Amino acid sequence: MSNEESLDLLESVKGLAACGSEAATNWEQAHLVCLFIEIERKIERALQNLIEAEKI
């Protein structure tokens, strides 16, 4: 899998996590909201790492 494909995949997963966070908010499930927010943060870190690796 190329870096570009990995970036696309991570962007898609990040979007899914954001949807999960929104759904959990609507269901008033605070623990799930926290979980999805943490997943989004980790995905964002992975995206940034891939972007930085491409620059090198």
PDB file of N, CA and C in Angstrom:
ATOM      1  N   MET A   1       0.852  -1.166   0.000  1.00  0.00           N
ATOM      2  CA  MET A   1       0.000   0.000   0.000  1.00  0.00           C
ATOM      3  C   MET A   1       0.904   1.237   0.000  1.00  0.00           C
ATOM      4  N   SER A   2       0.620   2.157  -0.895  1.00  0.00           N
ATOM      5  CA  SER A   2       1.424   3.374  -0.976  1.00  0.00           C
ATOM      6  C   SER A   2       1.046   4.341   0.147  1.00  0.00           C
ATOM      7  N   ASN A   3       1.905   5.330   0.361  1.00  0.00           N
ATOM      8  CA  ASN A   3       1.602   6.340   1.379  1.00  0.00           C
ATOM      9  C   ASN A   3       0.318   7.087   1.043  1.00  0.00           C
ATOM     10  N   GLU A   4       0.104   7.361  -0.245  1.00  0.00           N
ATOM     11  CA  GLU A   4      -1.114   8.062  -0.659  1.00  0.00           C
ATOM     12  C   GLU A   4      -2.357   7.232  -0.319  1.00  0.00           C
ATOM     13  N   GLU A   5      -2.287   5.933  -0.573  1.00  0.00           N
ATOM     14  CA  GLU A   5      -3.408   5.052  -0.225  1.00  0.00           C
ATOM     15  C   GLU A   5      -3.612   5.003   1.286  1.00  0.00           C
ATOM     16  N   SER A   6      -2.515   4.982   2.027  1.00  0.00           N
ATOM     17  CA  SER A   6      -2.609   4.981   3.488  1.00  0.00           C
ATOM     18  C   SER A   6      -3.245   6.265   3.993  1.00  0.00           C
ATOM     19  N   LEU A   7      -2.853   7.396   3.416  1.00  0.00           N
ATOM     20  CA  LEU A   7      -3.445   8.677   3.804  1.00  0.00           C
ATOM     21  C   LEU A   7      -4.944   8.695   3.526  1.00  0.00           C
ATOM     22  N   ASP A   8      -5.332   8.213   2.344  1.00  0.00           N
ATOM     23  CA  ASP A   8      -6.756   8.159   1.997  1.00  0.00           C
ATOM     24  C   ASP A   8      -7.523   7.275   2.970  1.00  0.00           C
ATOM     25  N   LEU A   9      -6.943   6.133   3.296  1.00  0.00           N
ATOM     26  CA  LEU A   9      -7.594   5.207   4.221  1.00  0.00           C
ATOM     27  C   LEU A   9      -7.749   5.834   5.601  1.00  0.00           C
ATOM     28  N   LEU A  10      -6.701   6.465   6.099  1.00  0.00           N
ATOM     29  CA  LEU A  10      -6.769   7.099   7.414  1.00  0.00           C
ATOM     30  C   LEU A  10      -7.771   8.249   7.434  1.00  0.00           C
ATOM     31  N   GLU A  11      -7.852   9.007   6.347  1.00  0.00           N
ATOM     32  CA  GLU A  11      -8.849  10.085   6.270  1.00  0.00           C
ATOM     33  C   GLU A  11     -10.259   9.509   6.341  1.00  0.00           C
ATOM     34  N   SER A  12     -10.489   8.385   5.660  1.00  0.00           N
ATOM     35  CA  SER A  12     -11.803   7.740   5.701  1.00  0.00           C
ATOM     36  C   SER A  12     -12.137   7.246   7.103  1.00  0.00           C
ATOM     37  N   VAL A  13     -11.159   6.626   7.740  1.00  0.00           N
ATOM     38  CA  VAL A  13     -11.367   6.109   9.095  1.00  0.00           C
ATOM     39  C   VAL A  13     -11.622   7.255  10.069  1.00  0.00           C
ATOM     40  N   LYS A  14     -10.903   8.356   9.877  1.00  0.00           N
ATOM     41  CA  LYS A  14     -11.107   9.529  10.731  1.00  0.00           C
ATOM     42  C   LYS A  14     -12.542  10.035  10.594  1.00  0.00           C
ATOM     43  N   GLY A  15     -13.057  10.054   9.378  1.00  0.00           N
ATOM     44  CA  GLY A  15     -14.442  10.461   9.149  1.00  0.00           C
ATOM     45  C   GLY A  15     -15.430   9.530   9.829  1.00  0.00           C
ATOM     46  N   LEU A  16     -15.162   8.247   9.773  1.00  0.00           N
ATOM     47  CA  LEU A  16     -16.034   7.278  10.443  1.00  0.00           C
ATOM     48  C   LEU A  16     -16.011   7.470  11.953  1.00  0.00           C
ATOM     49  N   ALA A  17     -14.837   7.737  12.501  1.00  0.00           N
ATOM     50  CA  ALA A  17     -14.730   7.980  13.944  1.00  0.00           C
ATOM     51  C   ALA A  17     -15.497   9.238  14.332  1.00  0.00           C
ATOM     52  N   ALA A  18     -15.441  10.257  13.485  1.00  0.00           N
ATOM     53  CA  ALA A  18     -16.195  11.487  13.758  1.00  0.00           C
ATOM     54  C   ALA A  18     -17.693  11.208  13.748  1.00  0.00           C
ATOM     55  N   CYS A  19     -18.144  10.377  12.828  1.00  0.00           N
ATOM     56  CA  CYS A  19     -19.562   9.988  12.793  1.00  0.00           C
ATOM     57  C   CYS A  19     -19.937   9.227  14.059  1.00  0.00           C
ATOM     58  N   GLY A  20     -19.061   8.346  14.502  1.00  0.00           N
ATOM     59  CA  GLY A  20     -19.310   7.601  15.735  1.00  0.00           C
ATOM     60  C   GLY A  20     -19.398   8.520  16.928  1.00  0.00           C
ATOM     61  N   SER A  21     -18.540   9.512  16.973  1.00  0.00           N
ATOM     62  CA  SER A  21     -18.553  10.486  18.064  1.00  0.00           C
ATOM     63  C   SER A  21     -19.861  11.267  18.080  1.00  0.00           C
ATOM     64  N   GLU A  22     -20.296  11.692  16.903  1.00  0.00           N
ATOM     65  CA  GLU A  22     -21.555  12.435  16.808  1.00  0.00           C
ATOM     66  C   GLU A  22     -22.741  11.569  17.221  1.00  0.00           C
ATOM     67  N   ALA A  23     -22.749  10.320  16.773  1.00  0.00           N
ATOM     68  CA  ALA A  23     -23.835   9.416  17.145  1.00  0.00           C
ATOM     69  C   ALA A  23     -23.851   9.178  18.650  1.00  0.00           C
ATOM     70  N   ALA A  24     -22.686   8.981  19.236  1.00  0.00           N
ATOM     71  CA  ALA A  24     -22.600   8.758  20.680  1.00  0.00           C
ATOM     72  C   ALA A  24     -23.093   9.980  21.443  1.00  0.00           C
ATOM     73  N   THR A  25     -22.797  11.168  20.923  1.00  0.00           N
ATOM     74  CA  THR A  25     -23.296  12.399  21.547  1.00  0.00           C
ATOM     75  C   THR A  25     -24.817  12.418  21.511  1.00  0.00           C
ATOM     76  N   ASN A  26     -25.379  12.080  20.363  1.00  0.00           N
ATOM     77  CA  ASN A  26     -26.840  12.059  20.225  1.00  0.00           C
ATOM     78  C   ASN A  26     -27.483  11.031  21.149  1.00  0.00           C
ATOM     79  N   TRP A  27     -26.784   9.938  21.402  1.00  0.00           N
ATOM     80  CA  TRP A  27     -27.310   8.892  22.290  1.00  0.00           C
ATOM     81  C   TRP A  27     -26.998   9.174  23.752  1.00  0.00           C
ATOM     82  N   GLU A  28     -26.292  10.297  23.996  1.00  0.00           N
ATOM     83  CA  GLU A  28     -25.896  10.693  25.351  1.00  0.00           C
ATOM     84  C   GLU A  28     -25.057   9.609  26.036  1.00  0.00           C
ATOM     85  N   GLN A  29     -24.087   9.107  25.288  1.00  0.00           N
ATOM     86  CA  GLN A  29     -23.174   8.073  25.782  1.00  0.00           C
ATOM     87  C   GLN A  29     -21.778   8.687  25.915  1.00  0.00           C
ATOM     88  N   ALA A  30     -21.563   9.390  27.017  1.00  0.00           N
ATOM     89  CA  ALA A  30     -20.325  10.152  27.201  1.00  0.00           C
ATOM     90  C   ALA A  30     -19.072   9.287  27.077  1.00  0.00           C
ATOM     91  N   HIS A  31     -19.119   8.059  27.590  1.00  0.00           N
ATOM     92  CA  HIS A  31     -17.929   7.206  27.521  1.00  0.00           C
ATOM     93  C   HIS A  31     -17.576   6.859  26.072  1.00  0.00           C
ATOM     94  N   LEU A  32     -18.597   6.687  25.233  1.00  0.00           N
ATOM     95  CA  LEU A  32     -18.323   6.409  23.824  1.00  0.00           C
ATOM     96  C   LEU A  32     -17.815   7.651  23.100  1.00  0.00           C
ATOM     97  N   VAL A  33     -18.337   8.810  23.477  1.00  0.00           N
ATOM     98  CA  VAL A  33     -17.848  10.060  22.892  1.00  0.00           C
ATOM     99  C   VAL A  33     -16.351  10.185  23.154  1.00  0.00           C
ATOM    100  N   CYS A  34     -15.947   9.956  24.387  1.00  0.00           N
ATOM    101  CA  CYS A  34     -14.522  10.034  24.752  1.00  0.00           C
ATOM    102  C   CYS A  34     -13.695   9.032  23.953  1.00  0.00           C
ATOM    103  N   LEU A  35     -14.213   7.835  23.795  1.00  0.00           N
ATOM    104  CA  LEU A  35     -13.511   6.802  23.038  1.00  0.00           C
ATOM    105  C   LEU A  35     -13.309   7.234  21.589  1.00  0.00           C
ATOM    106  N   PHE A  36     -14.373   7.705  20.946  1.00  0.00           N
ATOM    107  CA  PHE A  36     -14.267   8.112  19.547  1.00  0.00           C
ATOM    108  C   PHE A  36     -13.359   9.327  19.376  1.00  0.00           C
ATOM    109  N   ILE A  37     -13.395  10.253  20.315  1.00  0.00           N
ATOM    110  CA  ILE A  37     -12.507  11.416  20.244  1.00  0.00           C
ATOM    111  C   ILE A  37     -11.052  10.967  20.339  1.00  0.00           C
ATOM    112  N   GLU A  38     -10.776  10.028  21.217  1.00  0.00           N
ATOM    113  CA  GLU A  38      -9.407   9.515  21.341  1.00  0.00           C
ATOM    114  C   GLU A  38      -8.982   8.791  20.064  1.00  0.00           C
ATOM    115  N   ILE A  39      -9.890   8.041  19.458  1.00  0.00           N
ATOM    116  CA  ILE A  39      -9.587   7.372  18.186  1.00  0.00           C
ATOM    117  C   ILE A  39      -9.259   8.418  17.124  1.00  0.00           C
ATOM    118  N   GLU A  40     -10.061   9.483  17.047  1.00  0.00           N
ATOM    119  CA  GLU A  40      -9.797  10.553  16.086  1.00  0.00           C
ATOM    120  C   GLU A  40      -8.417  11.169  16.304  1.00  0.00           C
ATOM    121  N   ARG A  41      -8.047  11.398  17.545  1.00  0.00           N
ATOM    122  CA  ARG A  41      -6.734  11.983  17.855  1.00  0.00           C
ATOM    123  C   ARG A  41      -5.601  11.073  17.393  1.00  0.00           C
ATOM    124  N   LYS A  42      -5.751   9.787  17.635  1.00  0.00           N
ATOM    125  CA  LYS A  42      -4.706   8.836  17.243  1.00  0.00           C
ATOM    126  C   LYS A  42      -4.589   8.770  15.718  1.00  0.00           C
ATOM    127  N   ILE A  43      -5.720   8.804  15.040  1.00  0.00           N
ATOM    128  CA  ILE A  43      -5.709   8.783  13.577  1.00  0.00           C
ATOM    129  C   ILE A  43      -5.042  10.047  13.048  1.00  0.00           C
ATOM    130  N   GLU A  44      -5.369  11.185  13.642  1.00  0.00           N
ATOM    131  CA  GLU A  44      -4.749  12.446  13.222  1.00  0.00           C
ATOM    132  C   GLU A  44      -3.238  12.392  13.409  1.00  0.00           C
ATOM    133  N   ARG A  45      -2.783  11.809  14.506  1.00  0.00           N
ATOM    134  CA  ARG A  45      -1.340  11.672  14.739  1.00  0.00           C
ATOM    135  C   ARG A  45      -0.709  10.775  13.671  1.00  0.00           C
ATOM    136  N   ALA A  46      -1.385   9.681  13.323  1.00  0.00           N
ATOM    137  CA  ALA A  46      -0.871   8.789  12.283  1.00  0.00           C
ATOM    138  C   ALA A  46      -0.809   9.510  10.934  1.00  0.00           C
ATOM    139  N   LEU A  47      -1.827  10.313  10.634  1.00  0.00           N
ATOM    140  CA  LEU A  47      -1.823  11.090   9.398  1.00  0.00           C
ATOM    141  C   LEU A  47      -0.642  12.053   9.365  1.00  0.00           C
ATOM    142  N   GLN A  48      -0.436  12.761  10.448  1.00  0.00           N
ATOM    143  CA  GLN A  48       0.668  13.717  10.514  1.00  0.00           C
ATOM    144  C   GLN A  48       2.013  13.011  10.367  1.00  0.00           C
ATOM    145  N   ASN A  49       2.154  11.846  10.980  1.00  0.00           N
ATOM    146  CA  ASN A  49       3.399  11.084  10.862  1.00  0.00           C
ATOM    147  C   ASN A  49       3.659  10.662   9.420  1.00  0.00           C
ATOM    148  N   LEU A  50       2.608  10.233   8.722  1.00  0.00           N
ATOM    149  CA  LEU A  50       2.765   9.845   7.319  1.00  0.00           C
ATOM    150  C   LEU A  50       3.133  11.041   6.455  1.00  0.00           C
ATOM    151  N   ILE A  51       2.491  12.168   6.704  1.00  0.00           N
ATOM    152  CA  ILE A  51       2.782  13.382   5.936  1.00  0.00           C
ATOM    153  C   ILE A  51       4.226  13.811   6.160  1.00  0.00           C
ATOM    154  N   GLU A  52       4.664  13.779   7.406  1.00  0.00           N
ATOM    155  CA  GLU A  52       6.050  14.146   7.720  1.00  0.00           C
ATOM    156  C   GLU A  52       7.034  13.168   7.079  1.00  0.00           C
ATOM    157  N   ALA A  53       6.700  11.883   7.081  1.00  0.00           N
ATOM    158  CA  ALA A  53       7.582  10.872   6.487  1.00  0.00           C
ATOM    159  C   ALA A  53       7.722  11.089   4.981  1.00  0.00           C
ATOM    160  N   GLU A  54       6.647  11.546   4.333  1.00  0.00           N
ATOM    161  CA  GLU A  54       6.709  11.806   2.894  1.00  0.00           C
ATOM    162  C   GLU A  54       7.639  12.973   2.581  1.00  0.00           C
ATOM    163  N   LYS A  55       7.728  13.931   3.491  1.00  0.00           N
ATOM    164  CA  LYS A  55       8.563  15.115   3.268  1.00  0.00           C
ATOM    165  C   LYS A  55      10.047  14.790   3.337  1.00  0.00           C
ATOM    166  N   ILE A  56      10.384  13.734   4.068  1.00  0.00           N
ATOM    167  CA  ILE A  56      11.801  13.386   4.280  1.00  0.00           C
ATOM    168  C   ILE A  56      12.378  12.669   3.088  1.00  0.00           C
TER     169      ILE A  56
END
